[in-house]
N, C-alpha and C. Protein backbone atom coordinates (compact mmCIF):
# COMPACT_ATOMS: atom_id res chain seq x y z
N UNK A 1 31.52 4.69 -51.65
CA UNK A 1 32.35 5.92 -52.40
C UNK A 1 32.83 6.83 -51.25
N UNK A 2 33.99 7.12 -51.47
CA UNK A 2 34.74 8.12 -50.56
C UNK A 2 34.48 9.44 -50.79
N UNK A 3 34.27 10.23 -49.66
CA UNK A 3 33.91 11.66 -49.80
C UNK A 3 34.72 12.41 -48.83
N UNK A 4 35.21 13.59 -49.12
CA UNK A 4 36.06 14.35 -48.18
C UNK A 4 35.24 15.33 -47.47
N UNK A 5 35.46 15.56 -46.17
CA UNK A 5 34.83 16.59 -45.40
C UNK A 5 35.96 17.22 -44.62
N UNK A 6 35.49 18.60 -44.29
CA UNK A 6 36.43 19.28 -43.24
C UNK A 6 36.29 18.64 -41.99
N UNK A 7 37.57 18.58 -41.23
CA UNK A 7 37.57 18.26 -39.84
C UNK A 7 36.99 19.46 -38.99
N UNK A 8 35.84 19.21 -38.42
CA UNK A 8 35.31 20.37 -37.58
C UNK A 8 36.41 20.90 -36.58
N UNK A 9 36.28 22.28 -36.34
CA UNK A 9 37.17 22.95 -35.51
C UNK A 9 37.40 22.26 -34.19
N UNK A 10 36.18 21.99 -33.61
CA UNK A 10 36.18 21.34 -32.38
C UNK A 10 36.66 19.87 -32.18
N UNK A 11 37.03 19.40 -33.30
CA UNK A 11 37.88 18.13 -33.29
C UNK A 11 39.43 18.17 -33.64
N UNK A 12 39.76 19.54 -33.96
CA UNK A 12 41.25 19.69 -34.22
C UNK A 12 42.09 19.89 -32.98
N UNK A 13 42.14 19.02 -32.22
CA UNK A 13 43.06 19.02 -30.92
C UNK A 13 44.04 17.80 -30.88
N UNK A 14 45.04 18.15 -30.26
CA UNK A 14 46.17 17.32 -29.97
C UNK A 14 45.61 16.25 -29.04
N UNK A 15 46.05 14.92 -29.24
CA UNK A 15 46.84 14.37 -30.41
C UNK A 15 45.96 13.92 -31.61
N UNK A 16 44.85 14.06 -31.55
CA UNK A 16 43.91 13.48 -32.51
C UNK A 16 44.07 14.04 -34.03
N UNK A 17 43.69 15.37 -34.09
CA UNK A 17 43.91 16.18 -35.45
C UNK A 17 44.60 17.34 -35.10
N UNK A 18 45.82 17.44 -35.67
CA UNK A 18 46.53 18.62 -35.24
C UNK A 18 46.70 19.30 -36.57
N UNK A 19 47.24 18.64 -37.67
CA UNK A 19 47.52 19.36 -38.84
C UNK A 19 46.50 18.98 -39.91
N UNK A 20 45.75 17.82 -39.85
CA UNK A 20 44.83 17.48 -40.75
C UNK A 20 43.63 18.42 -40.73
N UNK A 21 43.11 18.94 -41.92
CA UNK A 21 41.88 19.70 -42.04
C UNK A 21 40.77 19.04 -42.72
N UNK A 22 41.03 17.83 -43.32
CA UNK A 22 40.03 17.08 -44.05
C UNK A 22 40.08 15.69 -43.55
N UNK A 23 38.82 14.92 -43.67
CA UNK A 23 38.89 13.58 -43.39
C UNK A 23 38.10 12.82 -44.55
N UNK A 24 38.28 11.72 -44.75
CA UNK A 24 37.64 11.05 -45.81
C UNK A 24 36.65 9.97 -45.18
N UNK A 25 35.32 10.11 -45.47
CA UNK A 25 34.44 9.15 -44.90
C UNK A 25 34.30 8.03 -46.00
N UNK A 26 34.34 6.83 -45.53
CA UNK A 26 34.34 5.62 -46.42
C UNK A 26 33.18 4.82 -46.13
N UNK A 27 33.35 3.66 -46.51
CA UNK A 27 32.17 2.78 -46.25
C UNK A 27 31.74 2.48 -44.81
N UNK A 28 30.59 2.37 -44.45
CA UNK A 28 30.09 2.00 -42.89
C UNK A 28 31.08 1.03 -42.21
N UNK A 29 31.37 0.01 -43.08
CA UNK A 29 32.12 -1.13 -42.52
C UNK A 29 33.59 -0.67 -42.00
N UNK A 30 34.18 0.42 -42.81
CA UNK A 30 35.43 0.92 -42.34
C UNK A 30 35.43 2.17 -41.72
N UNK A 31 34.34 2.56 -41.23
CA UNK A 31 34.19 3.82 -40.53
C UNK A 31 35.14 3.90 -39.30
N UNK A 32 35.41 2.92 -38.60
CA UNK A 32 36.32 2.80 -37.26
C UNK A 32 37.82 3.14 -37.65
N UNK A 33 38.08 3.18 -39.00
CA UNK A 33 39.49 3.53 -39.47
C UNK A 33 39.64 5.05 -39.33
N UNK A 34 38.69 5.75 -39.32
CA UNK A 34 38.72 7.33 -39.26
C UNK A 34 38.36 7.80 -37.84
N UNK A 35 39.33 8.37 -37.15
CA UNK A 35 39.07 8.75 -35.70
C UNK A 35 37.85 9.68 -35.69
N UNK A 36 36.95 9.20 -34.74
CA UNK A 36 35.58 10.10 -34.62
C UNK A 36 34.82 10.26 -35.89
N UNK A 37 34.82 9.26 -36.78
CA UNK A 37 34.20 9.33 -37.99
C UNK A 37 32.81 9.78 -38.02
N UNK A 38 31.89 8.99 -37.29
CA UNK A 38 30.55 9.34 -37.06
C UNK A 38 30.19 10.58 -36.28
N UNK A 39 30.97 10.75 -35.34
CA UNK A 39 30.73 12.02 -34.43
C UNK A 39 31.11 13.32 -35.26
N UNK A 40 32.18 13.30 -36.15
CA UNK A 40 32.36 14.40 -37.01
C UNK A 40 31.42 14.52 -37.97
N UNK A 41 30.93 13.40 -38.53
CA UNK A 41 29.74 13.60 -39.66
C UNK A 41 28.56 14.07 -38.93
N UNK A 42 28.23 13.70 -37.77
CA UNK A 42 27.10 14.32 -37.02
C UNK A 42 27.25 15.77 -36.80
N UNK A 43 28.48 16.07 -36.28
CA UNK A 43 28.70 17.61 -36.09
C UNK A 43 28.61 18.42 -37.47
N UNK A 44 28.80 17.76 -38.50
CA UNK A 44 28.77 18.41 -39.82
C UNK A 44 27.28 18.34 -40.31
N UNK A 45 26.36 17.54 -39.77
CA UNK A 45 25.15 17.41 -40.19
C UNK A 45 24.92 16.45 -41.37
N UNK A 46 25.87 15.52 -41.52
CA UNK A 46 25.93 14.58 -42.58
C UNK A 46 25.45 13.18 -42.13
N UNK A 47 24.98 12.44 -42.94
CA UNK A 47 24.51 11.12 -42.51
C UNK A 47 25.60 10.15 -42.02
N UNK A 48 25.21 9.51 -41.01
CA UNK A 48 26.17 8.58 -40.43
C UNK A 48 25.56 7.44 -39.77
N UNK A 49 26.27 6.53 -39.09
CA UNK A 49 25.74 5.21 -38.60
C UNK A 49 24.89 5.55 -37.24
N UNK A 50 25.12 6.74 -36.67
CA UNK A 50 24.46 7.02 -35.27
C UNK A 50 24.60 5.94 -34.33
N UNK A 51 25.98 5.50 -34.07
CA UNK A 51 26.12 4.45 -33.13
C UNK A 51 25.82 4.84 -31.68
N UNK A 52 25.46 5.99 -31.36
CA UNK A 52 25.13 6.37 -30.00
C UNK A 52 23.83 6.15 -29.66
N UNK A 53 22.92 6.04 -30.65
CA UNK A 53 21.53 5.71 -30.50
C UNK A 53 21.32 4.41 -29.64
N UNK A 54 20.29 4.43 -28.76
CA UNK A 54 20.33 3.24 -27.88
C UNK A 54 19.98 1.95 -28.66
N UNK A 55 19.29 2.11 -29.76
CA UNK A 55 19.07 0.89 -30.63
C UNK A 55 20.32 0.44 -31.37
N UNK A 56 21.22 1.34 -31.57
CA UNK A 56 22.56 0.85 -32.30
C UNK A 56 23.71 0.63 -31.41
N UNK A 57 23.69 1.16 -30.09
CA UNK A 57 24.82 1.11 -29.39
C UNK A 57 25.20 -0.46 -28.84
N UNK A 58 24.11 -1.27 -28.96
CA UNK A 58 24.37 -2.62 -28.56
C UNK A 58 25.23 -3.31 -29.64
N UNK A 59 25.39 -2.78 -30.88
CA UNK A 59 26.19 -3.19 -31.92
C UNK A 59 27.57 -2.59 -31.81
N UNK A 60 27.58 -1.23 -31.83
CA UNK A 60 28.96 -0.46 -32.00
C UNK A 60 29.76 -0.41 -30.72
N UNK A 61 29.20 -0.26 -29.68
CA UNK A 61 30.03 -0.05 -28.45
C UNK A 61 30.70 -1.49 -28.22
N UNK A 62 30.10 -2.50 -28.16
CA UNK A 62 30.99 -3.89 -28.00
C UNK A 62 31.91 -4.03 -29.17
N UNK A 63 31.71 -3.42 -30.44
CA UNK A 63 32.71 -3.58 -31.42
C UNK A 63 33.97 -2.90 -30.98
N UNK A 64 33.72 -1.60 -30.33
CA UNK A 64 35.00 -0.86 -29.89
C UNK A 64 35.84 -1.66 -28.76
N UNK A 65 35.15 -2.53 -27.96
CA UNK A 65 35.79 -3.29 -26.96
C UNK A 65 36.65 -4.49 -27.68
N UNK A 66 36.05 -5.02 -28.73
CA UNK A 66 36.66 -6.11 -29.50
C UNK A 66 37.91 -5.55 -30.21
N UNK A 67 37.75 -4.35 -30.80
CA UNK A 67 38.95 -3.75 -31.39
C UNK A 67 40.09 -3.40 -30.34
N UNK A 68 39.67 -2.97 -29.13
CA UNK A 68 40.65 -2.65 -28.19
C UNK A 68 41.44 -4.12 -27.77
N UNK A 69 40.62 -5.01 -27.55
CA UNK A 69 41.24 -6.34 -27.21
C UNK A 69 42.24 -6.95 -28.18
N UNK A 70 41.88 -6.71 -29.47
CA UNK A 70 42.81 -7.09 -30.68
C UNK A 70 43.96 -6.20 -30.66
N UNK A 71 43.89 -5.01 -30.27
CA UNK A 71 44.98 -3.96 -30.35
C UNK A 71 45.83 -3.99 -29.15
N UNK A 72 45.18 -4.41 -27.96
CA UNK A 72 45.90 -4.49 -26.74
C UNK A 72 47.01 -5.31 -26.64
N UNK A 73 47.12 -6.44 -27.27
CA UNK A 73 48.10 -7.45 -27.28
C UNK A 73 49.30 -6.95 -28.05
N UNK A 74 48.80 -6.37 -29.26
CA UNK A 74 49.76 -5.83 -30.24
C UNK A 74 50.54 -4.62 -29.55
N UNK A 75 49.80 -3.83 -28.83
CA UNK A 75 50.58 -2.74 -28.07
C UNK A 75 51.56 -3.27 -27.11
N UNK A 76 51.06 -4.25 -26.40
CA UNK A 76 51.98 -4.92 -25.42
C UNK A 76 53.28 -5.38 -26.06
N UNK A 77 53.12 -6.08 -27.06
CA UNK A 77 54.29 -6.55 -27.83
C UNK A 77 55.16 -5.38 -28.38
N UNK A 78 54.55 -4.31 -28.79
CA UNK A 78 55.32 -3.26 -29.43
C UNK A 78 56.06 -2.33 -28.41
N UNK A 79 55.31 -2.40 -27.19
CA UNK A 79 56.09 -1.59 -26.05
C UNK A 79 57.32 -2.47 -25.54
N UNK A 80 57.31 -3.88 -25.65
CA UNK A 80 58.23 -4.75 -25.26
C UNK A 80 59.67 -4.51 -26.21
N UNK A 81 59.17 -4.20 -27.43
CA UNK A 81 60.13 -3.93 -28.46
C UNK A 81 60.69 -2.42 -28.39
N UNK A 82 60.00 -1.66 -27.60
CA UNK A 82 60.41 -0.15 -27.54
C UNK A 82 60.43 0.34 -28.94
N UNK A 83 59.18 0.30 -29.57
CA UNK A 83 59.15 0.96 -30.83
C UNK A 83 57.96 2.24 -30.79
N UNK A 84 58.50 3.31 -30.28
CA UNK A 84 57.53 4.32 -30.07
C UNK A 84 56.81 4.85 -31.28
N UNK A 85 57.48 4.79 -32.45
CA UNK A 85 56.88 5.25 -33.72
C UNK A 85 55.62 4.62 -34.16
N UNK A 86 55.59 3.45 -33.77
CA UNK A 86 54.44 2.60 -34.12
C UNK A 86 53.42 2.62 -32.98
N UNK A 87 54.00 2.71 -31.56
CA UNK A 87 53.06 2.69 -30.59
C UNK A 87 52.16 3.99 -30.54
N UNK A 88 52.71 5.05 -30.74
CA UNK A 88 51.87 6.33 -30.50
C UNK A 88 50.56 6.37 -31.37
N UNK A 89 50.68 6.17 -32.71
CA UNK A 89 49.46 6.21 -33.57
C UNK A 89 48.50 5.22 -33.05
N UNK A 90 48.82 4.14 -32.68
CA UNK A 90 47.93 3.01 -32.15
C UNK A 90 47.17 3.48 -30.86
N UNK A 91 48.13 4.10 -30.00
CA UNK A 91 47.46 4.53 -28.71
C UNK A 91 46.50 5.67 -28.96
N UNK A 92 46.91 6.58 -29.92
CA UNK A 92 45.92 7.66 -30.21
C UNK A 92 44.55 7.13 -30.69
N UNK A 93 44.65 6.07 -31.55
CA UNK A 93 43.28 5.46 -32.19
C UNK A 93 42.72 4.98 -31.02
N UNK A 94 43.35 4.18 -30.07
CA UNK A 94 42.70 3.44 -28.96
C UNK A 94 42.05 4.45 -28.05
N UNK A 95 42.76 5.64 -27.58
CA UNK A 95 42.16 6.69 -26.71
C UNK A 95 40.74 7.23 -27.49
N UNK A 96 41.03 7.44 -28.77
CA UNK A 96 39.78 7.92 -29.37
C UNK A 96 38.74 6.91 -29.28
N UNK A 97 38.88 5.61 -29.44
CA UNK A 97 37.94 4.66 -29.28
C UNK A 97 37.36 4.56 -27.74
N UNK A 98 38.19 4.75 -26.79
CA UNK A 98 37.74 4.81 -25.45
C UNK A 98 36.77 5.96 -25.24
N UNK A 99 37.15 7.25 -25.85
CA UNK A 99 36.20 8.23 -25.62
C UNK A 99 34.99 8.06 -26.36
N UNK A 100 34.97 7.46 -27.53
CA UNK A 100 33.74 7.08 -28.11
C UNK A 100 32.72 6.08 -27.31
N UNK A 101 33.48 5.16 -26.81
CA UNK A 101 32.88 4.11 -26.02
C UNK A 101 32.10 4.67 -24.77
N UNK A 102 32.81 5.75 -24.10
CA UNK A 102 32.20 6.34 -23.03
C UNK A 102 31.10 7.24 -23.44
N UNK A 103 31.18 8.09 -24.52
CA UNK A 103 30.07 8.99 -24.89
C UNK A 103 28.98 7.97 -25.39
N UNK A 104 29.24 7.06 -26.26
CA UNK A 104 28.07 6.20 -26.87
C UNK A 104 27.35 5.45 -25.73
N UNK A 105 28.08 4.95 -24.71
CA UNK A 105 27.49 4.27 -23.66
C UNK A 105 26.43 5.25 -23.09
N UNK A 106 26.54 6.42 -22.98
CA UNK A 106 25.65 7.61 -22.60
C UNK A 106 24.80 8.12 -23.63
N UNK A 107 24.67 7.38 -24.83
CA UNK A 107 23.82 7.53 -25.86
C UNK A 107 23.88 8.99 -26.36
N UNK A 108 25.09 9.51 -26.46
CA UNK A 108 25.35 10.82 -27.03
C UNK A 108 26.64 10.71 -28.00
N UNK A 109 26.68 11.66 -29.10
CA UNK A 109 27.95 11.68 -29.84
C UNK A 109 29.03 12.45 -29.13
N UNK A 110 30.24 12.33 -29.64
CA UNK A 110 31.22 13.22 -29.12
C UNK A 110 31.00 14.43 -29.99
N UNK A 111 30.86 15.53 -29.18
CA UNK A 111 30.61 16.84 -30.10
C UNK A 111 31.83 17.77 -30.19
N UNK A 112 32.84 17.64 -29.21
CA UNK A 112 34.00 18.42 -29.25
C UNK A 112 35.02 17.55 -28.46
N UNK A 113 36.25 17.92 -28.89
CA UNK A 113 37.43 17.44 -28.03
C UNK A 113 37.99 18.51 -27.30
N UNK A 114 37.53 19.87 -27.58
CA UNK A 114 37.99 20.94 -26.66
C UNK A 114 37.44 20.65 -25.16
N UNK A 115 38.30 21.06 -24.36
CA UNK A 115 37.98 21.02 -22.99
C UNK A 115 37.29 19.65 -22.69
N UNK A 116 37.80 18.63 -23.19
CA UNK A 116 37.37 17.13 -23.22
C UNK A 116 37.22 16.66 -21.74
N UNK A 117 38.22 17.06 -20.81
CA UNK A 117 38.15 16.64 -19.54
C UNK A 117 36.92 17.34 -18.82
N UNK A 118 36.49 18.32 -18.98
CA UNK A 118 35.30 19.04 -18.58
C UNK A 118 33.87 18.28 -19.01
N UNK A 119 33.96 18.21 -20.36
CA UNK A 119 32.81 17.71 -21.01
C UNK A 119 32.55 16.13 -20.60
N UNK A 120 33.49 15.46 -20.46
CA UNK A 120 33.30 14.04 -20.22
C UNK A 120 32.92 13.77 -18.86
N UNK A 121 33.24 14.72 -17.96
CA UNK A 121 32.75 14.68 -16.52
C UNK A 121 31.24 14.98 -16.23
N UNK A 122 30.70 15.38 -17.37
CA UNK A 122 29.16 15.64 -17.47
C UNK A 122 28.21 14.61 -17.66
N UNK A 123 29.04 13.48 -18.16
CA UNK A 123 28.40 12.25 -18.45
C UNK A 123 27.90 11.38 -17.38
N UNK A 124 26.68 10.71 -17.44
CA UNK A 124 26.32 9.93 -16.34
C UNK A 124 27.16 8.65 -15.95
N UNK A 125 27.47 7.89 -17.16
CA UNK A 125 28.20 6.77 -17.05
C UNK A 125 29.74 7.07 -17.50
N UNK A 126 30.55 6.93 -16.58
CA UNK A 126 32.10 7.17 -16.93
C UNK A 126 33.00 6.62 -15.74
N UNK A 127 34.06 6.19 -16.01
CA UNK A 127 35.02 5.64 -14.96
C UNK A 127 35.26 6.79 -13.99
N UNK A 128 35.75 6.22 -12.83
CA UNK A 128 36.02 7.23 -11.64
C UNK A 128 37.38 8.07 -12.10
N UNK A 129 37.38 9.17 -11.82
CA UNK A 129 38.45 10.19 -12.19
C UNK A 129 38.86 10.11 -13.50
N UNK A 130 37.95 9.97 -14.46
CA UNK A 130 38.17 9.89 -16.01
C UNK A 130 39.00 11.13 -16.52
N UNK A 131 38.56 12.36 -16.00
CA UNK A 131 39.23 13.49 -16.55
C UNK A 131 40.75 13.61 -16.21
N UNK A 132 41.10 13.24 -15.08
CA UNK A 132 42.54 13.36 -14.63
C UNK A 132 43.15 12.33 -15.37
N UNK A 133 42.70 11.02 -15.46
CA UNK A 133 43.34 9.82 -15.99
C UNK A 133 43.59 10.12 -17.58
N UNK A 134 42.46 10.60 -18.23
CA UNK A 134 42.50 10.69 -19.63
C UNK A 134 43.55 11.87 -20.06
N UNK A 135 43.52 13.01 -19.07
CA UNK A 135 44.56 14.11 -19.28
C UNK A 135 45.93 13.54 -19.05
N UNK A 136 46.33 12.56 -18.26
CA UNK A 136 47.51 11.99 -18.11
C UNK A 136 47.87 11.10 -19.33
N UNK A 137 46.95 10.47 -19.96
CA UNK A 137 47.17 9.61 -21.28
C UNK A 137 47.59 10.58 -22.40
N UNK A 138 46.60 11.57 -22.52
CA UNK A 138 46.75 12.53 -23.57
C UNK A 138 48.01 13.39 -23.67
N UNK A 139 48.61 13.57 -22.49
CA UNK A 139 49.87 14.30 -22.30
C UNK A 139 51.07 13.50 -23.01
N UNK A 140 51.07 12.35 -23.01
CA UNK A 140 52.05 11.33 -23.60
C UNK A 140 51.41 9.94 -23.91
N UNK A 141 50.71 10.03 -25.10
CA UNK A 141 50.18 8.78 -25.42
C UNK A 141 51.01 7.65 -25.75
N UNK A 142 52.27 7.85 -26.06
CA UNK A 142 53.27 6.94 -26.38
C UNK A 142 54.01 6.27 -25.24
N UNK A 143 53.66 6.65 -23.98
CA UNK A 143 54.39 6.24 -22.78
C UNK A 143 53.86 4.95 -22.23
N UNK A 144 54.61 4.10 -21.72
CA UNK A 144 54.06 2.90 -21.25
C UNK A 144 53.09 2.99 -20.13
N UNK A 145 53.28 3.87 -19.28
CA UNK A 145 52.41 4.12 -18.21
C UNK A 145 51.03 4.58 -18.80
N UNK A 146 50.90 5.27 -19.89
CA UNK A 146 49.63 5.68 -20.50
C UNK A 146 48.94 4.41 -21.05
N UNK A 147 49.67 3.54 -21.46
CA UNK A 147 49.20 2.30 -21.96
C UNK A 147 48.50 1.58 -20.74
N UNK A 148 49.17 1.40 -19.71
CA UNK A 148 48.59 0.81 -18.55
C UNK A 148 47.36 1.50 -18.04
N UNK A 149 47.29 2.82 -18.07
CA UNK A 149 46.19 3.51 -17.65
C UNK A 149 44.93 3.33 -18.59
N UNK A 150 45.25 3.36 -19.84
CA UNK A 150 44.38 3.04 -20.92
C UNK A 150 43.75 1.70 -20.72
N UNK A 151 44.55 0.71 -20.52
CA UNK A 151 44.07 -0.62 -20.36
C UNK A 151 42.98 -0.73 -19.23
N UNK A 152 43.34 -0.09 -18.10
CA UNK A 152 42.57 0.01 -16.83
C UNK A 152 41.17 0.68 -17.21
N UNK A 153 41.26 1.82 -17.89
CA UNK A 153 40.05 2.52 -18.26
C UNK A 153 39.16 1.84 -19.22
N UNK A 154 39.71 0.99 -20.21
CA UNK A 154 38.90 0.10 -20.98
C UNK A 154 38.29 -1.00 -20.41
N UNK A 155 39.00 -1.53 -19.42
CA UNK A 155 38.21 -2.66 -18.53
C UNK A 155 37.15 -1.98 -17.70
N UNK A 156 37.39 -0.82 -17.07
CA UNK A 156 36.29 -0.18 -16.27
C UNK A 156 35.18 0.25 -17.20
N UNK A 157 35.46 0.82 -18.46
CA UNK A 157 34.44 1.22 -19.20
C UNK A 157 33.64 0.13 -19.79
N UNK A 158 34.27 -0.97 -20.17
CA UNK A 158 33.40 -2.20 -20.58
C UNK A 158 32.41 -2.64 -19.52
N UNK A 159 32.94 -2.88 -18.21
CA UNK A 159 32.00 -3.24 -17.19
C UNK A 159 30.87 -2.23 -17.01
N UNK A 160 31.27 -0.94 -17.04
CA UNK A 160 30.12 0.16 -16.96
C UNK A 160 29.25 0.06 -18.02
N UNK A 161 29.70 -0.25 -19.20
CA UNK A 161 28.69 -0.45 -20.40
C UNK A 161 27.75 -1.50 -20.10
N UNK A 162 28.24 -2.65 -19.80
CA UNK A 162 27.34 -3.81 -19.54
C UNK A 162 26.32 -3.48 -18.31
N UNK A 163 26.86 -3.03 -17.41
CA UNK A 163 25.93 -2.53 -16.23
C UNK A 163 24.74 -1.51 -16.58
N UNK A 164 25.20 -0.70 -17.55
CA UNK A 164 24.30 0.31 -17.98
C UNK A 164 23.08 -0.31 -18.78
N UNK A 165 23.52 -1.39 -19.53
CA UNK A 165 22.54 -2.24 -20.36
C UNK A 165 21.54 -2.89 -19.38
N UNK A 166 21.99 -3.55 -18.43
CA UNK A 166 21.21 -4.18 -17.45
C UNK A 166 20.28 -3.23 -16.74
N UNK A 167 20.76 -2.08 -16.47
CA UNK A 167 19.77 -1.07 -15.78
C UNK A 167 18.55 -0.72 -16.71
N UNK A 168 18.94 -0.71 -18.06
CA UNK A 168 17.88 -0.36 -19.01
C UNK A 168 16.83 -1.41 -19.26
N UNK A 169 17.21 -2.59 -19.11
CA UNK A 169 16.30 -3.69 -19.35
C UNK A 169 15.55 -4.11 -18.25
């Protein structure tokens, strides 16, 4: 059953939620179609999948990497066709999933997108120079160089995620 919630003020940040003031939470299977769905539900004190819990992250974080790999090739093709209207929303979705992958690897939800570059630097597991690189991508998510940077960040984040698992075991 679909239910509408207000987008928390801390998530109303360009390019993720600029004009939207509500989001619809749908079935858990489709939760990844709403940017920061579980994180916003957590911020609102609502039930969610808790994908950042250590017991759940082995399911949800790899799912983000699979979605990236499925979208990466599509983005590459769209860039070759020079179709920025379709590229930008896909890039924004993938940047959101990168941020979630980094936070969830650290077993914490994304609590705010305000001053993201500062907050993400406080995490233990993160790619080198993440704040500068993320800032570059967020300034122009539709740019081809942003895509290349995002691709590199996803590769580094995936390696970091699997290293973090081996350290725990």
